[in-house]
């Protein structure tokens, strides 16, 4: 069984493999009880956001035997949320990420990984 840290790391790697931008892992363990980490990333277009989702979904399923508890936003793909319970993945288009600014909302959370650009 994967630890939450390992899940967040794997998700970040699958996102990076599909050219996700500005990948950030926020440690929420001291802030909320419903999850340990947010992994936030950006795709250039809604189509790329779907491809990032697909890569994460297939990678976690095929290599780790994990499926998200739920997925939201896949139809429009401006903000796709994948809930792996201990890790919640947010895949944004640039405009949507700028609008919601989750990193600022959770500004007190330690940033453990920042990759991409």
C-alpha atoms as a PDB file:
ATOM      1  CA  UNK A   1       0.000   0.000   0.000  1.00  0.00           C
ATOM      2  CA  UNK A   2       1.313   3.398  -0.994  1.00  0.00           C
ATOM      3  CA  UNK A   3       1.779   6.169   1.535  1.00  0.00           C
ATOM      4  CA  UNK A   4       0.107   9.510   0.838  1.00  0.00           C
ATOM      5  CA  UNK A   5       3.556  10.955   0.126  1.00  0.00           C
ATOM      6  CA  UNK A   6       4.227   8.243  -2.468  1.00  0.00           C
ATOM      7  CA  UNK A   7       0.830   8.790  -4.103  1.00  0.00           C
ATOM      8  CA  UNK A   8       1.453  12.534  -4.366  1.00  0.00           C
ATOM      9  CA  UNK A   9       4.928  11.910  -5.770  1.00  0.00           C
ATOM     10  CA  UNK A  10       3.646   9.434  -8.372  1.00  0.00           C
ATOM     11  CA  UNK A  11       0.819  11.764  -9.413  1.00  0.00           C
ATOM     12  CA  UNK A  12       3.310  14.593  -9.879  1.00  0.00           C
ATOM     13  CA  UNK A  13       5.544  12.398 -12.004  1.00  0.00           C
ATOM     14  CA  UNK A  14       2.680  11.261 -14.260  1.00  0.00           C
ATOM     15  CA  UNK A  15       1.597  14.894 -14.671  1.00  0.00           C
ATOM     16  CA  UNK A  16       5.160  15.972 -15.508  1.00  0.00           C
ATOM     17  CA  UNK A  17       5.450  13.170 -18.068  1.00  0.00           C
ATOM     18  CA  UNK A  18       2.548  14.804 -19.923  1.00  0.00           C
ATOM     19  CA  UNK A  19       4.061  18.289 -19.804  1.00  0.00           C
ATOM     20  CA  UNK A  20       1.957  19.673 -16.953  1.00  0.00           C
ATOM     21  CA  UNK A  21       3.136  23.114 -15.866  1.00  0.00           C
ATOM     22  CA  UNK A  22       3.739  24.549 -12.393  1.00  0.00           C
ATOM     23  CA  UNK A  23       3.296  21.294 -10.490  1.00  0.00           C
ATOM     24  CA  UNK A  24       2.932  22.018  -6.784  1.00  0.00           C
ATOM     25  CA  UNK A  25       2.408  19.652  -3.854  1.00  0.00           C
ATOM     26  CA  UNK A  26       0.848  21.243  -0.761  1.00  0.00           C
ATOM     27  CA  UNK A  27       1.126  19.522   2.618  1.00  0.00           C
ATOM     28  CA  UNK A  28      -2.255  19.946   4.320  1.00  0.00           C
ATOM     29  CA  UNK A  29      -1.786  17.392   7.123  1.00  0.00           C
ATOM     30  CA  UNK A  30      -1.693  20.052   9.844  1.00  0.00           C
ATOM     31  CA  UNK A  31      -4.541  22.081   8.340  1.00  0.00           C
ATOM     32  CA  UNK A  32      -7.448  19.781   7.398  1.00  0.00           C
ATOM     33  CA  UNK A  33      -8.666  16.315   8.293  1.00  0.00           C
ATOM     34  CA  UNK A  34     -10.080  15.207   4.927  1.00  0.00           C
ATOM     35  CA  UNK A  35      -6.818  14.896   2.965  1.00  0.00           C
ATOM     36  CA  UNK A  36      -3.040  15.001   3.384  1.00  0.00           C
ATOM     37  CA  UNK A  37      -1.928  16.609   0.123  1.00  0.00           C
ATOM     38  CA  UNK A  38      -3.102  18.676  -2.797  1.00  0.00           C
ATOM     39  CA  UNK A  39      -1.248  18.201  -6.057  1.00  0.00           C
ATOM     40  CA  UNK A  40      -1.934  21.187  -8.301  1.00  0.00           C
ATOM     41  CA  UNK A  41      -0.870  21.495 -11.921  1.00  0.00           C
ATOM     42  CA  UNK A  42      -1.730  23.274 -15.150  1.00  0.00           C
ATOM     43  CA  UNK A  43      -2.350  22.095 -18.687  1.00  0.00           C
ATOM     44  CA  UNK A  44      -2.123  24.625 -21.508  1.00  0.00           C
ATOM     45  CA  UNK A  45      -5.572  23.701 -22.885  1.00  0.00           C
ATOM     46  CA  UNK A  46      -8.616  21.705 -21.828  1.00  0.00           C
ATOM     47  CA  UNK A  47      -7.430  18.943 -24.153  1.00  0.00           C
ATOM     48  CA  UNK A  48      -4.053  18.788 -22.409  1.00  0.00           C
ATOM     49  CA  UNK A  49      -5.801  18.798 -19.020  1.00  0.00           C
ATOM     50  CA  UNK A  50      -7.731  15.705 -20.111  1.00  0.00           C
ATOM     51  CA  UNK A  51      -4.494  14.066 -21.280  1.00  0.00           C
ATOM     52  CA  UNK A  52      -2.871  14.806 -17.906  1.00  0.00           C
ATOM     53  CA  UNK A  53      -5.906  13.311 -16.172  1.00  0.00           C
ATOM     54  CA  UNK A  54      -5.722  10.218 -18.361  1.00  0.00           C
ATOM     55  CA  UNK A  55      -2.009   9.777 -17.663  1.00  0.00           C
ATOM     56  CA  UNK A  56      -2.514  10.050 -13.907  1.00  0.00           C
ATOM     57  CA  UNK A  57      -5.560   7.780 -13.972  1.00  0.00           C
ATOM     58  CA  UNK A  58      -3.883   5.054 -16.038  1.00  0.00           C
ATOM     59  CA  UNK A  59      -0.551   5.310 -14.244  1.00  0.00           C
ATOM     60  CA  UNK A  60      -2.092   5.010 -10.794  1.00  0.00           C
ATOM     61  CA  UNK A  61      -4.379   2.183 -11.942  1.00  0.00           C
ATOM     62  CA  UNK A  62      -1.829   0.159 -13.912  1.00  0.00           C
ATOM     63  CA  UNK A  63       1.238   0.620 -11.716  1.00  0.00           C
ATOM     64  CA  UNK A  64      -0.276   1.014  -8.247  1.00  0.00           C
ATOM     65  CA  UNK A  65      -3.757  -0.519  -8.432  1.00  0.00           C
ATOM     66  CA  UNK A  66      -5.394   2.732  -7.320  1.00  0.00           C
ATOM     67  CA  UNK A  67      -8.483   4.391  -8.752  1.00  0.00           C
ATOM     68  CA  UNK A  68      -9.739   7.802  -7.667  1.00  0.00           C
ATOM     69  CA  UNK A  69     -12.750   7.754  -5.370  1.00  0.00           C
ATOM     70  CA  UNK A  70     -14.312  10.331  -7.653  1.00  0.00           C
ATOM     71  CA  UNK A  71     -13.469  12.614 -10.558  1.00  0.00           C
ATOM     72  CA  UNK A  72     -15.166  15.940 -11.228  1.00  0.00           C
ATOM     73  CA  UNK A  73     -14.916  18.443 -14.054  1.00  0.00           C
ATOM     74  CA  UNK A  74     -13.730  16.060 -16.759  1.00  0.00           C
ATOM     75  CA  UNK A  75     -16.406  17.093 -19.282  1.00  0.00           C
ATOM     76  CA  UNK A  76     -15.366  20.758 -19.428  1.00  0.00           C
ATOM     77  CA  UNK A  77     -11.758  20.102 -18.316  1.00  0.00           C
ATOM     78  CA  UNK A  78     -11.109  23.622 -17.023  1.00  0.00           C
ATOM     79  CA  UNK A  79     -10.663  22.250 -13.506  1.00  0.00           C
ATOM     80  CA  UNK A  80     -10.428  18.488 -13.112  1.00  0.00           C
ATOM     81  CA  UNK A  81     -10.467  17.179  -9.567  1.00  0.00           C
ATOM     82  CA  UNK A  82      -9.288  13.637  -8.849  1.00  0.00           C
ATOM     83  CA  UNK A  83      -9.919  12.425  -5.291  1.00  0.00           C
ATOM     84  CA  UNK A  84      -7.533   9.729  -4.087  1.00  0.00           C
ATOM     85  CA  UNK A  85      -8.696  10.394  -0.482  1.00  0.00           C
ATOM     86  CA  UNK A  86      -5.278  11.170   1.063  1.00  0.00           C
ATOM     87  CA  UNK A  87      -4.298  13.076  -2.096  1.00  0.00           C
ATOM     88  CA  UNK A  88      -6.527  15.394  -4.080  1.00  0.00           C
ATOM     89  CA  UNK A  89      -5.338  16.312  -7.566  1.00  0.00           C
ATOM     90  CA  UNK A  90      -6.314  19.594  -9.220  1.00  0.00           C
ATOM     91  CA  UNK A  91      -5.637  19.966 -12.940  1.00  0.00           C
ATOM     92  CA  UNK A  92      -6.348  23.474 -14.229  1.00  0.00           C
ATOM     93  CA  UNK A  93      -6.283  25.429 -17.451  1.00  0.00           C
ATOM     94  CA  UNK A  94      -4.145  28.570 -16.952  1.00  0.00           C
ATOM     95  CA  UNK A  95      -7.130  30.950 -16.726  1.00  0.00           C
ATOM     96  CA  UNK A  96      -8.986  28.785 -14.220  1.00  0.00           C
ATOM     97  CA  UNK A  97      -5.921  28.320 -12.027  1.00  0.00           C
ATOM     98  CA  UNK A  98      -5.339  32.065 -12.014  1.00  0.00           C
ATOM     99  CA  UNK A  99      -8.981  32.716 -11.124  1.00  0.00           C
ATOM    100  CA  UNK A 100      -9.211  30.298  -8.175  1.00  0.00           C
ATOM    101  CA  UNK A 101      -5.630  30.722  -6.892  1.00  0.00           C
ATOM    102  CA  UNK A 102      -5.654  27.644  -4.648  1.00  0.00           C
ATOM    103  CA  UNK A 103      -2.019  28.189  -3.663  1.00  0.00           C
ATOM    104  CA  UNK A 104      -2.931  31.579  -2.200  1.00  0.00           C
ATOM    105  CA  UNK A 105      -6.053  30.196  -0.527  1.00  0.00           C
ATOM    106  CA  UNK A 106      -3.876  27.555   1.140  1.00  0.00           C
ATOM    107  CA  UNK A 107      -0.928  29.938   1.481  1.00  0.00           C
ATOM    108  CA  UNK A 108       0.055  28.681   4.936  1.00  0.00           C
ATOM    109  CA  UNK A 109       0.457  25.106   3.719  1.00  0.00           C
ATOM    110  CA  UNK A 110       4.059  23.999   3.182  1.00  0.00           C
ATOM    111  CA  UNK A 111       4.949  23.555  -0.484  1.00  0.00           C
ATOM    112  CA  UNK A 112       6.819  20.256  -0.668  1.00  0.00           C
ATOM    113  CA  UNK A 113       7.358  19.947  -4.394  1.00  0.00           C
ATOM    114  CA  UNK A 114       7.352  22.552  -7.104  1.00  0.00           C
ATOM    115  CA  UNK A 115       8.276  21.349 -10.589  1.00  0.00           C
ATOM    116  CA  UNK A 116       7.633  22.272 -14.190  1.00  0.00           C
ATOM    117  CA  UNK A 117       7.397  25.790 -15.519  1.00  0.00           C
END
